[in-house]
N, C-alpha and C. Protein backbone atom coordinates (compact mmCIF):
# COMPACT_ATOMS: atom_id res chain seq x y z
N MET A 1 0.82 -1.19 0.00
CA MET A 1 0.00 0.00 0.00
C MET A 1 0.87 1.26 0.00
N ILE A 2 1.87 1.29 0.85
CA ILE A 2 2.74 2.46 0.92
C ILE A 2 3.45 2.66 -0.41
N LEU A 3 3.94 1.58 -1.01
CA LEU A 3 4.63 1.71 -2.29
C LEU A 3 3.74 2.32 -3.35
N SER A 4 2.46 2.00 -3.33
CA SER A 4 1.55 2.54 -4.35
C SER A 4 1.42 4.06 -4.24
N LEU A 5 1.62 4.60 -3.05
CA LEU A 5 1.56 6.05 -2.89
C LEU A 5 2.63 6.75 -3.71
N PHE A 6 3.75 6.10 -3.90
CA PHE A 6 4.89 6.74 -4.52
C PHE A 6 5.06 6.36 -5.99
N ARG A 7 4.04 5.73 -6.57
CA ARG A 7 4.06 5.44 -8.00
C ARG A 7 3.25 6.46 -8.78
N THR A 8 2.51 7.28 -8.09
CA THR A 8 1.68 8.29 -8.75
C THR A 8 1.92 9.64 -8.08
N SER A 9 1.19 10.61 -8.53
CA SER A 9 1.33 11.94 -7.93
C SER A 9 0.65 12.02 -6.56
N ALA A 10 0.11 10.92 -6.07
CA ALA A 10 -0.53 10.92 -4.76
C ALA A 10 0.46 11.27 -3.66
N ASN A 11 1.75 11.12 -3.93
CA ASN A 11 2.74 11.41 -2.90
C ASN A 11 2.87 12.90 -2.63
N LYS A 12 2.33 13.75 -3.49
CA LYS A 12 2.41 15.20 -3.26
C LYS A 12 1.82 15.55 -1.90
N HIS A 13 0.72 14.96 -1.55
CA HIS A 13 0.09 15.21 -0.26
C HIS A 13 1.02 14.79 0.89
N VAL A 14 1.66 13.65 0.76
CA VAL A 14 2.58 13.16 1.80
C VAL A 14 3.79 14.09 1.92
N ILE A 15 4.36 14.47 0.79
CA ILE A 15 5.54 15.33 0.79
C ILE A 15 5.19 16.71 1.32
N ASP A 16 4.04 17.25 0.93
CA ASP A 16 3.62 18.55 1.44
C ASP A 16 3.44 18.51 2.96
N ARG A 17 2.89 17.41 3.46
CA ARG A 17 2.71 17.26 4.91
C ARG A 17 4.06 17.19 5.61
N LEU A 18 4.97 16.37 5.07
CA LEU A 18 6.31 16.26 5.66
C LEU A 18 7.01 17.61 5.68
N HIS A 19 6.96 18.32 4.56
CA HIS A 19 7.60 19.63 4.49
C HIS A 19 6.99 20.57 5.52
N GLY A 20 5.69 20.56 5.64
CA GLY A 20 5.01 21.40 6.63
C GLY A 20 5.39 21.07 8.05
N GLU A 21 5.53 19.79 8.35
CA GLU A 21 5.91 19.38 9.70
C GLU A 21 7.35 19.76 10.01
N ILE A 22 8.22 19.68 9.02
CA ILE A 22 9.61 20.12 9.21
C ILE A 22 9.64 21.62 9.45
N MET A 23 8.87 22.36 8.67
CA MET A 23 8.79 23.82 8.85
C MET A 23 8.28 24.15 10.26
N ALA A 24 7.26 23.46 10.71
CA ALA A 24 6.70 23.72 12.04
C ALA A 24 7.74 23.43 13.13
N ALA A 25 8.47 22.34 13.00
CA ALA A 25 9.51 22.02 13.99
C ALA A 25 10.58 23.10 14.01
N ALA A 26 10.94 23.59 12.83
CA ALA A 26 12.00 24.61 12.72
C ALA A 26 11.54 25.98 13.23
N ARG A 27 10.25 26.17 13.33
CA ARG A 27 9.72 27.45 13.82
C ARG A 27 9.45 27.45 15.32
N ASN A 28 9.82 26.41 16.00
CA ASN A 28 9.61 26.33 17.45
C ASN A 28 10.34 27.50 18.13
N PRO A 29 9.60 28.40 18.78
CA PRO A 29 10.23 29.58 19.39
C PRO A 29 11.34 29.24 20.39
N ALA A 30 11.24 28.10 21.05
CA ALA A 30 12.25 27.74 22.04
C ALA A 30 13.63 27.54 21.41
N LEU A 31 13.68 27.16 20.14
CA LEU A 31 14.97 27.01 19.47
C LEU A 31 15.69 28.35 19.38
N TYR A 32 14.93 29.42 19.29
CA TYR A 32 15.50 30.76 19.16
C TYR A 32 15.69 31.41 20.54
N LEU A 33 14.78 31.12 21.45
CA LEU A 33 14.86 31.72 22.79
C LEU A 33 15.82 30.97 23.71
N ASP A 34 15.81 29.65 23.65
CA ASP A 34 16.57 28.84 24.60
C ASP A 34 17.84 28.19 24.04
N CYS A 35 17.90 28.04 22.73
CA CYS A 35 19.04 27.32 22.13
C CYS A 35 20.00 28.20 21.36
N GLY A 36 19.73 29.48 21.30
CA GLY A 36 20.67 30.40 20.69
C GLY A 36 20.58 30.57 19.19
N ALA A 37 19.57 29.95 18.54
CA ALA A 37 19.42 30.15 17.10
C ALA A 37 19.01 31.59 16.85
N PHE A 38 19.43 32.12 15.71
CA PHE A 38 19.13 33.51 15.38
C PHE A 38 17.78 33.60 14.68
N ASP A 39 16.94 34.51 15.15
CA ASP A 39 15.63 34.71 14.54
C ASP A 39 15.77 35.71 13.39
N THR A 40 16.50 35.27 12.38
CA THR A 40 16.74 36.05 11.16
C THR A 40 16.49 35.11 9.98
N PHE A 41 16.52 35.64 8.78
CA PHE A 41 16.38 34.78 7.61
C PHE A 41 17.42 33.67 7.63
N GLU A 42 18.68 34.05 7.89
CA GLU A 42 19.76 33.08 7.89
C GLU A 42 19.60 32.06 9.01
N GLY A 43 19.22 32.54 10.19
CA GLY A 43 19.03 31.64 11.33
C GLY A 43 17.91 30.64 11.09
N ARG A 44 16.82 31.12 10.53
CA ARG A 44 15.69 30.22 10.23
C ARG A 44 16.06 29.22 9.14
N PHE A 45 16.83 29.67 8.16
CA PHE A 45 17.32 28.76 7.13
C PHE A 45 18.15 27.65 7.76
N GLU A 46 19.04 28.01 8.67
CA GLU A 46 19.91 27.02 9.31
C GLU A 46 19.11 26.01 10.13
N ILE A 47 18.13 26.48 10.87
CA ILE A 47 17.34 25.57 11.71
C ILE A 47 16.46 24.68 10.84
N PHE A 48 15.87 25.24 9.79
CA PHE A 48 15.11 24.41 8.85
C PHE A 48 16.02 23.35 8.24
N THR A 49 17.22 23.76 7.82
CA THR A 49 18.16 22.84 7.19
C THR A 49 18.52 21.70 8.14
N LEU A 50 18.76 22.02 9.40
CA LEU A 50 19.06 20.97 10.39
C LEU A 50 17.95 19.93 10.44
N HIS A 51 16.71 20.39 10.58
CA HIS A 51 15.58 19.46 10.68
C HIS A 51 15.39 18.66 9.39
N ALA A 52 15.43 19.35 8.27
CA ALA A 52 15.24 18.67 6.99
C ALA A 52 16.35 17.65 6.74
N ALA A 53 17.57 18.00 7.08
CA ALA A 53 18.70 17.09 6.87
C ALA A 53 18.52 15.79 7.64
N LEU A 54 18.00 15.88 8.85
CA LEU A 54 17.79 14.67 9.65
C LEU A 54 16.71 13.78 9.04
N VAL A 55 15.64 14.39 8.58
CA VAL A 55 14.56 13.62 7.96
C VAL A 55 15.05 13.00 6.65
N LEU A 56 15.73 13.78 5.84
CA LEU A 56 16.26 13.25 4.57
C LEU A 56 17.27 12.13 4.80
N ARG A 57 18.07 12.29 5.82
CA ARG A 57 19.07 11.26 6.17
C ARG A 57 18.39 9.94 6.48
N ARG A 58 17.34 10.00 7.29
CA ARG A 58 16.61 8.78 7.67
C ARG A 58 15.89 8.18 6.47
N LEU A 59 15.19 9.01 5.71
CA LEU A 59 14.45 8.50 4.56
C LEU A 59 15.37 7.82 3.56
N SER A 60 16.54 8.39 3.33
CA SER A 60 17.45 7.82 2.33
C SER A 60 18.01 6.47 2.77
N ARG A 61 17.93 6.18 4.06
CA ARG A 61 18.46 4.91 4.58
C ARG A 61 17.39 3.84 4.76
N LEU A 62 16.14 4.23 4.59
CA LEU A 62 15.04 3.27 4.72
C LEU A 62 14.87 2.51 3.41
N PRO A 63 14.22 1.33 3.48
CA PRO A 63 13.91 0.64 2.22
C PRO A 63 12.88 1.44 1.42
N SER A 64 12.70 1.08 0.18
CA SER A 64 11.74 1.75 -0.67
C SER A 64 10.36 1.73 0.00
N PRO A 65 9.68 2.86 0.01
CA PRO A 65 9.81 4.06 -0.79
C PRO A 65 10.59 5.18 -0.10
N GLY A 66 11.37 4.87 0.93
CA GLY A 66 12.12 5.91 1.65
C GLY A 66 13.00 6.77 0.77
N PRO A 67 13.88 6.17 -0.04
CA PRO A 67 14.73 7.00 -0.89
C PRO A 67 13.93 7.84 -1.90
N GLU A 68 12.83 7.29 -2.40
CA GLU A 68 11.99 8.05 -3.32
C GLU A 68 11.35 9.24 -2.60
N MET A 69 10.94 9.02 -1.37
CA MET A 69 10.38 10.11 -0.56
C MET A 69 11.44 11.17 -0.30
N ALA A 70 12.67 10.73 -0.03
CA ALA A 70 13.76 11.67 0.21
C ALA A 70 13.99 12.55 -1.01
N GLN A 71 13.96 11.95 -2.19
CA GLN A 71 14.15 12.73 -3.41
C GLN A 71 13.00 13.72 -3.61
N ASP A 72 11.78 13.25 -3.40
CA ASP A 72 10.62 14.13 -3.55
C ASP A 72 10.65 15.27 -2.53
N LEU A 73 11.08 14.96 -1.32
CA LEU A 73 11.18 15.99 -0.29
C LEU A 73 12.28 17.00 -0.65
N SER A 74 13.40 16.53 -1.16
CA SER A 74 14.46 17.44 -1.61
C SER A 74 13.95 18.37 -2.70
N ASP A 75 13.18 17.82 -3.62
CA ASP A 75 12.59 18.64 -4.68
C ASP A 75 11.63 19.67 -4.09
N ALA A 76 10.85 19.27 -3.09
CA ALA A 76 9.90 20.20 -2.45
C ALA A 76 10.65 21.33 -1.74
N VAL A 77 11.76 21.00 -1.12
CA VAL A 77 12.58 22.03 -0.46
C VAL A 77 13.07 23.05 -1.49
N ALA A 78 13.54 22.55 -2.63
CA ALA A 78 14.01 23.45 -3.68
C ALA A 78 12.86 24.34 -4.19
N ARG A 79 11.68 23.75 -4.37
CA ARG A 79 10.52 24.55 -4.80
C ARG A 79 10.19 25.62 -3.76
N HIS A 80 10.30 25.26 -2.48
CA HIS A 80 10.03 26.21 -1.40
C HIS A 80 11.02 27.37 -1.45
N PHE A 81 12.29 27.07 -1.67
CA PHE A 81 13.29 28.13 -1.77
C PHE A 81 12.96 29.06 -2.95
N ASP A 82 12.57 28.49 -4.08
CA ASP A 82 12.23 29.28 -5.26
C ASP A 82 11.05 30.21 -4.95
N ILE A 83 10.01 29.68 -4.36
CA ILE A 83 8.82 30.48 -4.01
C ILE A 83 9.19 31.58 -3.03
N MET A 84 9.98 31.23 -2.04
CA MET A 84 10.38 32.21 -1.03
C MET A 84 11.15 33.37 -1.66
N LEU A 85 12.07 33.07 -2.54
CA LEU A 85 12.85 34.12 -3.20
C LEU A 85 11.94 35.03 -4.03
N ARG A 86 11.00 34.44 -4.72
CA ARG A 86 10.08 35.23 -5.54
C ARG A 86 9.19 36.10 -4.65
N GLU A 87 8.77 35.57 -3.50
CA GLU A 87 7.96 36.35 -2.57
C GLU A 87 8.75 37.52 -1.98
N PHE A 88 10.07 37.35 -1.86
CA PHE A 88 10.92 38.44 -1.40
C PHE A 88 11.14 39.49 -2.48
N GLY A 89 10.64 39.21 -3.67
CA GLY A 89 10.70 40.20 -4.74
C GLY A 89 11.89 40.10 -5.67
N TYR A 90 12.61 39.01 -5.63
CA TYR A 90 13.74 38.87 -6.55
C TYR A 90 13.22 38.61 -7.96
N ALA A 91 13.86 39.21 -8.92
CA ALA A 91 13.50 39.04 -10.32
C ALA A 91 13.90 37.65 -10.81
N ASP A 92 13.24 37.20 -11.87
CA ASP A 92 13.52 35.87 -12.41
C ASP A 92 14.99 35.65 -12.70
N VAL A 93 15.66 36.67 -13.20
CA VAL A 93 17.08 36.56 -13.54
C VAL A 93 17.92 36.26 -12.30
N SER A 94 17.63 36.90 -11.20
CA SER A 94 18.44 36.69 -10.00
C SER A 94 17.99 35.49 -9.18
N VAL A 95 16.77 34.98 -9.42
CA VAL A 95 16.30 33.81 -8.67
C VAL A 95 17.19 32.60 -8.93
N ALA A 96 17.54 32.36 -10.19
CA ALA A 96 18.37 31.20 -10.52
C ALA A 96 19.71 31.27 -9.81
N LYS A 97 20.31 32.43 -9.79
CA LYS A 97 21.61 32.61 -9.14
C LYS A 97 21.48 32.37 -7.62
N ARG A 98 20.46 32.94 -7.03
CA ARG A 98 20.25 32.78 -5.59
C ARG A 98 19.84 31.34 -5.24
N MET A 99 19.08 30.71 -6.14
CA MET A 99 18.69 29.31 -5.92
C MET A 99 19.93 28.41 -5.87
N LYS A 100 20.84 28.67 -6.77
CA LYS A 100 22.08 27.88 -6.79
C LYS A 100 22.83 28.03 -5.47
N LYS A 101 22.88 29.24 -4.98
CA LYS A 101 23.57 29.51 -3.72
C LYS A 101 22.84 28.85 -2.54
N LEU A 102 21.51 28.99 -2.48
CA LEU A 102 20.73 28.41 -1.38
C LEU A 102 20.79 26.88 -1.40
N THR A 103 20.57 26.28 -2.57
CA THR A 103 20.58 24.82 -2.61
C THR A 103 21.99 24.28 -2.33
N GLY A 104 23.00 24.99 -2.79
CA GLY A 104 24.37 24.58 -2.46
C GLY A 104 24.63 24.61 -0.97
N ALA A 105 24.17 25.68 -0.32
CA ALA A 105 24.32 25.79 1.14
C ALA A 105 23.55 24.69 1.84
N PHE A 106 22.32 24.44 1.39
CA PHE A 106 21.49 23.41 1.99
C PHE A 106 22.17 22.04 1.88
N LEU A 107 22.61 21.69 0.68
CA LEU A 107 23.24 20.38 0.47
C LEU A 107 24.56 20.26 1.23
N GLY A 108 25.32 21.33 1.27
CA GLY A 108 26.58 21.31 2.02
C GLY A 108 26.35 21.11 3.50
N ARG A 109 25.37 21.82 4.05
CA ARG A 109 25.04 21.65 5.48
C ARG A 109 24.54 20.23 5.76
N ALA A 110 23.65 19.75 4.88
CA ALA A 110 23.11 18.39 5.08
C ALA A 110 24.23 17.36 5.10
N ARG A 111 25.18 17.50 4.20
CA ARG A 111 26.33 16.58 4.16
C ARG A 111 27.17 16.71 5.42
N ALA A 112 27.41 17.95 5.87
CA ALA A 112 28.20 18.15 7.09
C ALA A 112 27.51 17.55 8.31
N TYR A 113 26.19 17.71 8.41
CA TYR A 113 25.46 17.14 9.55
C TYR A 113 25.47 15.62 9.49
N ASP A 114 25.34 15.07 8.29
CA ASP A 114 25.38 13.61 8.13
C ASP A 114 26.73 13.07 8.60
N GLU A 115 27.79 13.71 8.16
CA GLU A 115 29.13 13.27 8.57
C GLU A 115 29.34 13.44 10.07
N ALA A 116 28.86 14.54 10.63
CA ALA A 116 29.03 14.79 12.06
C ALA A 116 28.26 13.78 12.90
N LEU A 117 27.06 13.42 12.44
CA LEU A 117 26.28 12.42 13.18
C LEU A 117 26.92 11.04 13.12
N GLY A 118 27.68 10.78 12.07
CA GLY A 118 28.35 9.49 11.94
C GLY A 118 29.73 9.44 12.57
N ALA A 119 30.21 10.56 13.06
CA ALA A 119 31.55 10.62 13.63
C ALA A 119 31.61 9.90 14.98
N ALA A 120 32.74 9.31 15.26
CA ALA A 120 32.93 8.63 16.54
C ALA A 120 33.01 9.63 17.69
N ASP A 121 33.61 10.77 17.43
CA ASP A 121 33.76 11.81 18.45
C ASP A 121 32.46 12.60 18.56
N MET A 122 31.84 12.56 19.72
CA MET A 122 30.56 13.22 19.95
C MET A 122 30.65 14.74 19.84
N LYS A 123 31.83 15.30 19.96
CA LYS A 123 32.01 16.75 19.88
C LYS A 123 31.91 17.28 18.45
N VAL A 124 32.06 16.40 17.46
CA VAL A 124 32.04 16.84 16.07
C VAL A 124 30.70 17.47 15.72
N LEU A 125 29.61 16.88 16.17
CA LEU A 125 28.28 17.44 15.87
C LEU A 125 28.14 18.82 16.51
N GLU A 126 28.58 18.96 17.75
CA GLU A 126 28.49 20.26 18.41
C GLU A 126 29.30 21.32 17.67
N GLU A 127 30.49 20.95 17.22
CA GLU A 127 31.33 21.89 16.47
C GLU A 127 30.67 22.26 15.13
N THR A 128 30.07 21.28 14.48
CA THR A 128 29.42 21.51 13.19
C THR A 128 28.21 22.41 13.36
N ILE A 129 27.41 22.16 14.37
CA ILE A 129 26.23 22.99 14.64
C ILE A 129 26.68 24.40 15.03
N GLY A 130 27.69 24.49 15.86
CA GLY A 130 28.19 25.81 16.25
C GLY A 130 28.68 26.63 15.08
N ARG A 131 29.41 25.98 14.19
CA ARG A 131 29.98 26.66 13.02
C ARG A 131 28.88 27.05 12.02
N ASN A 132 27.94 26.15 11.76
CA ASN A 132 26.94 26.41 10.72
C ASN A 132 25.67 27.07 11.26
N ALA A 133 24.98 26.39 12.14
CA ALA A 133 23.66 26.88 12.61
C ALA A 133 23.78 28.13 13.47
N LEU A 134 24.87 28.26 14.20
CA LEU A 134 25.02 29.40 15.10
C LEU A 134 26.11 30.38 14.64
N ALA A 135 26.61 30.18 13.45
CA ALA A 135 27.61 31.08 12.85
C ALA A 135 28.79 31.35 13.77
N GLY A 136 29.15 30.35 14.58
CA GLY A 136 30.30 30.49 15.46
C GLY A 136 30.07 31.40 16.65
N GLN A 137 28.83 31.78 16.90
CA GLN A 137 28.52 32.71 18.01
C GLN A 137 27.68 31.99 19.06
N GLY A 138 28.14 32.01 20.26
CA GLY A 138 27.38 31.43 21.36
C GLY A 138 27.59 29.94 21.52
N PRO A 139 27.17 29.42 22.67
CA PRO A 139 27.35 28.00 22.95
C PRO A 139 26.42 27.13 22.10
N ALA A 140 26.96 26.05 21.57
CA ALA A 140 26.19 25.15 20.72
C ALA A 140 25.61 23.98 21.50
N ALA A 141 25.98 23.81 22.75
CA ALA A 141 25.54 22.65 23.52
C ALA A 141 24.02 22.51 23.62
N PRO A 142 23.26 23.58 23.91
CA PRO A 142 21.80 23.41 24.01
C PRO A 142 21.16 22.96 22.69
N LEU A 143 21.54 23.56 21.59
CA LEU A 143 20.97 23.18 20.29
C LEU A 143 21.43 21.77 19.91
N THR A 144 22.66 21.44 20.21
CA THR A 144 23.18 20.11 19.90
C THR A 144 22.43 19.05 20.70
N ALA A 145 22.16 19.31 21.97
CA ALA A 145 21.42 18.34 22.79
C ALA A 145 20.02 18.11 22.21
N TYR A 146 19.37 19.19 21.80
CA TYR A 146 18.04 19.08 21.19
C TYR A 146 18.13 18.26 19.89
N ILE A 147 19.10 18.56 19.04
CA ILE A 147 19.24 17.86 17.76
C ILE A 147 19.54 16.38 17.98
N ARG A 148 20.33 16.06 18.97
CA ARG A 148 20.60 14.64 19.27
C ARG A 148 19.30 13.92 19.64
N ARG A 149 18.47 14.56 20.47
CA ARG A 149 17.19 13.95 20.86
C ARG A 149 16.25 13.83 19.65
N TYR A 150 16.19 14.89 18.86
CA TYR A 150 15.33 14.88 17.68
C TYR A 150 15.80 13.79 16.70
N ASN A 151 17.10 13.71 16.48
CA ASN A 151 17.63 12.70 15.57
C ASN A 151 17.34 11.29 16.07
N ALA A 152 17.45 11.06 17.37
CA ALA A 152 17.15 9.73 17.91
C ALA A 152 15.70 9.35 17.63
N MET A 153 14.80 10.30 17.76
CA MET A 153 13.39 10.03 17.48
C MET A 153 13.19 9.75 15.99
N ILE A 154 13.81 10.54 15.13
CA ILE A 154 13.68 10.35 13.68
C ILE A 154 14.28 9.00 13.27
N GLU A 155 15.45 8.68 13.80
CA GLU A 155 16.12 7.43 13.45
C GLU A 155 15.33 6.20 13.90
N ALA A 156 14.56 6.33 14.96
CA ALA A 156 13.76 5.20 15.46
C ALA A 156 12.43 5.07 14.73
N SER A 157 12.12 6.00 13.86
CA SER A 157 10.82 6.02 13.19
C SER A 157 10.79 5.10 11.98
N PRO A 158 9.74 4.27 11.88
CA PRO A 158 9.58 3.42 10.69
C PRO A 158 9.01 4.25 9.52
N ILE A 159 9.01 3.68 8.35
CA ILE A 159 8.53 4.36 7.15
C ILE A 159 7.10 4.87 7.31
N GLU A 160 6.29 4.16 8.06
CA GLU A 160 4.89 4.56 8.24
C GLU A 160 4.77 5.94 8.87
N VAL A 161 5.69 6.30 9.74
CA VAL A 161 5.65 7.62 10.37
C VAL A 161 5.83 8.71 9.31
N PHE A 162 6.70 8.46 8.35
CA PHE A 162 6.95 9.45 7.31
C PHE A 162 5.81 9.49 6.29
N SER A 163 5.19 8.34 6.06
CA SER A 163 4.13 8.30 5.04
C SER A 163 2.78 8.72 5.57
N THR A 164 2.54 8.52 6.86
CA THR A 164 1.21 8.88 7.40
C THR A 164 1.26 9.98 8.45
N GLY A 165 2.41 10.16 9.09
CA GLY A 165 2.57 11.24 10.08
C GLY A 165 1.98 10.90 11.41
N PRO A 166 2.16 11.77 12.35
CA PRO A 166 3.03 12.94 12.29
C PRO A 166 4.47 12.56 12.61
N LEU A 167 5.39 13.46 12.23
CA LEU A 167 6.79 13.27 12.60
C LEU A 167 6.90 13.39 14.11
N PRO A 168 7.83 12.66 14.71
CA PRO A 168 8.01 12.80 16.16
C PRO A 168 8.50 14.19 16.52
N SER A 169 8.18 14.59 17.72
CA SER A 169 8.68 15.87 18.21
C SER A 169 9.31 15.65 19.58
N VAL A 170 10.20 16.53 19.92
CA VAL A 170 10.86 16.47 21.23
C VAL A 170 10.86 17.86 21.84
N ALA A 171 10.87 17.88 23.14
CA ALA A 171 10.92 19.16 23.84
C ALA A 171 12.30 19.78 23.72
N VAL A 172 12.31 21.08 23.68
CA VAL A 172 13.60 21.78 23.59
C VAL A 172 14.15 21.91 24.94
């Protein structure tokens, strides 16, 4: 049944829900008030990227339709960036240039978080979060602790959680 969702355009509803849940998690005020994330365009981008990277990481490691969902979700993220840039008033000519920069940053961060989560040294994730999500300013320990808990919940989730929802949540 789950596989049939991803053979047609019916997965748009699933991907839109996943994207919305990731956005909601990234908008948690406690991440900005208690964990030191910056409530700016860049700060929100970083926190969204952290959450999306964890979900994409898990989906890509699940059996089918997980990798297909990961690809569809990546495409949805790119569409979201495009819409956001246009809503900010960027002209079509500059959207492509800015899209390249945003998607490059997103993919680079996702790769860095994946590597940091796989590192034997537990401090690597904190250093990576501090450097990227917090721009090297302020302590990364509170945000790192939250991300470790969130990642544990995501990693323990079966495919059904991603296909039917809701994504797990953790307290900040």
